[in-house]
Every structure is written in structure tokens, then in C-alpha cells.
Amino acid sequence: MGNKLIVVGRVVSLRDHLFRGITQQKSSRDAIENLFVVAAVKSKMRKLVCYGANLRIEVGLADVVFI
């Protein structure tokens, strides 16, 4: 449980290939910044639930860069 507390609340950015995929799915009117807050940890540290300005995503630990 201690490792989960270290990750929750941290600001992260997504790896470039994943972020480009998300921005291509969104409409051109939406400006998306590559900054997210880790809100929860699921499946024994395998998935991070992250929130951006108006976006919720679940990503693997290897898909983020801690800031």
C-alpha cells in the first residue's frame, strides 16, 4: 500500500506516442495539455487512473513520465 501513496497525487505526462494517439482522437477545437494528475491506482500498480483538464484515462505505469 505504501507504493500507491507515493504515486497518487503526482503530476505526470504521457509518453509521446500515447499522447499523440489521444490528441488525434479529440476534435481540433479541444486543446489538450500533456499534464495529468494520478488520482488512483488499480490492479496492483498495473493501471493508473489519471485526470487532465477534461479527460480521464487509465494507463500503465510504463506509459507515464513523472514530473
Protein backbone atom coordinates (compact mmCIF):
# COMPACT_ATOMS: atom_id res chain seq x y z
CA MET A 1 0.00 0.00 0.00
CA GLY A 2 2.92 2.37 0.58
CA ASN A 3 3.87 2.49 -3.10
CA LYS A 4 0.32 3.51 -4.06
CA LEU A 5 0.51 6.54 -1.80
CA ILE A 6 3.75 7.70 -3.43
CA VAL A 7 2.11 7.75 -6.88
CA VAL A 8 -1.33 9.21 -6.07
CA GLY A 9 -1.37 12.99 -6.37
CA ARG A 10 1.73 13.16 -8.57
CA VAL A 11 1.71 15.14 -11.80
CA VAL A 12 2.67 13.06 -14.83
CA SER A 13 2.89 13.45 -18.57
CA LEU A 14 2.17 10.71 -21.07
CA ARG A 15 4.76 9.18 -23.37
CA ASP A 16 4.77 10.87 -26.78
CA HIS A 17 3.26 8.01 -28.79
CA LEU A 18 0.33 7.64 -26.39
CA PHE A 19 -0.31 11.38 -26.16
CA ARG A 20 -0.32 11.76 -29.96
CA GLY A 21 -2.89 8.97 -30.21
CA ILE A 22 -5.19 10.72 -27.74
CA THR A 23 -4.88 14.12 -29.43
CA GLN A 24 -5.73 12.64 -32.82
CA GLN A 25 -8.95 11.19 -31.39
CA LYS A 26 -10.09 14.53 -29.97
CA SER A 27 -11.54 17.27 -32.14
CA SER A 28 -9.28 20.11 -33.20
CA ARG A 29 -11.26 22.58 -31.06
CA ASP A 30 -10.15 20.90 -27.85
CA ALA A 31 -6.74 21.97 -26.63
CA ILE A 32 -5.19 19.15 -24.64
CA GLU A 33 -2.15 19.68 -22.49
CA ASN A 34 0.12 16.77 -21.63
CA LEU A 35 -0.24 17.14 -17.87
CA PHE A 36 -2.27 14.76 -15.74
CA VAL A 37 -2.75 14.07 -12.03
CA VAL A 38 -2.72 10.47 -10.82
CA ALA A 39 -5.97 10.01 -8.90
CA ALA A 40 -5.98 6.28 -8.20
CA VAL A 41 -4.05 3.06 -8.68
CA LYS A 42 -5.78 -0.08 -9.91
CA SER A 43 -4.81 -3.74 -10.25
CA LYS A 44 -1.74 -3.78 -8.01
CA MET A 45 0.08 -0.84 -9.65
CA ARG A 46 -0.64 -2.04 -13.19
CA LYS A 47 -3.05 0.79 -14.09
CA LEU A 48 -3.03 4.45 -13.11
CA VAL A 49 -6.23 6.49 -13.27
CA CYS A 50 -5.22 9.97 -14.43
CA TYR A 51 -7.19 13.16 -14.88
CA GLY A 52 -6.42 16.07 -17.18
CA ALA A 53 -8.47 19.23 -17.60
CA ASN A 54 -11.48 17.43 -19.07
CA LEU A 55 -10.14 13.94 -19.69
CA ARG A 56 -9.96 10.74 -17.62
CA ILE A 57 -7.62 7.99 -18.78
CA GLU A 58 -6.29 4.70 -17.47
CA VAL A 59 -2.69 3.97 -18.44
CA GLY A 60 0.06 1.61 -17.44
CA LEU A 61 2.91 2.72 -15.23
CA ALA A 62 5.32 2.44 -18.19
CA ASP A 63 3.24 4.93 -20.23
CA VAL A 64 3.84 7.92 -17.97
CA VAL A 65 6.76 10.18 -17.07
CA PHE A 66 6.78 11.59 -13.56
CA ILE A 67 7.33 15.34 -13.33
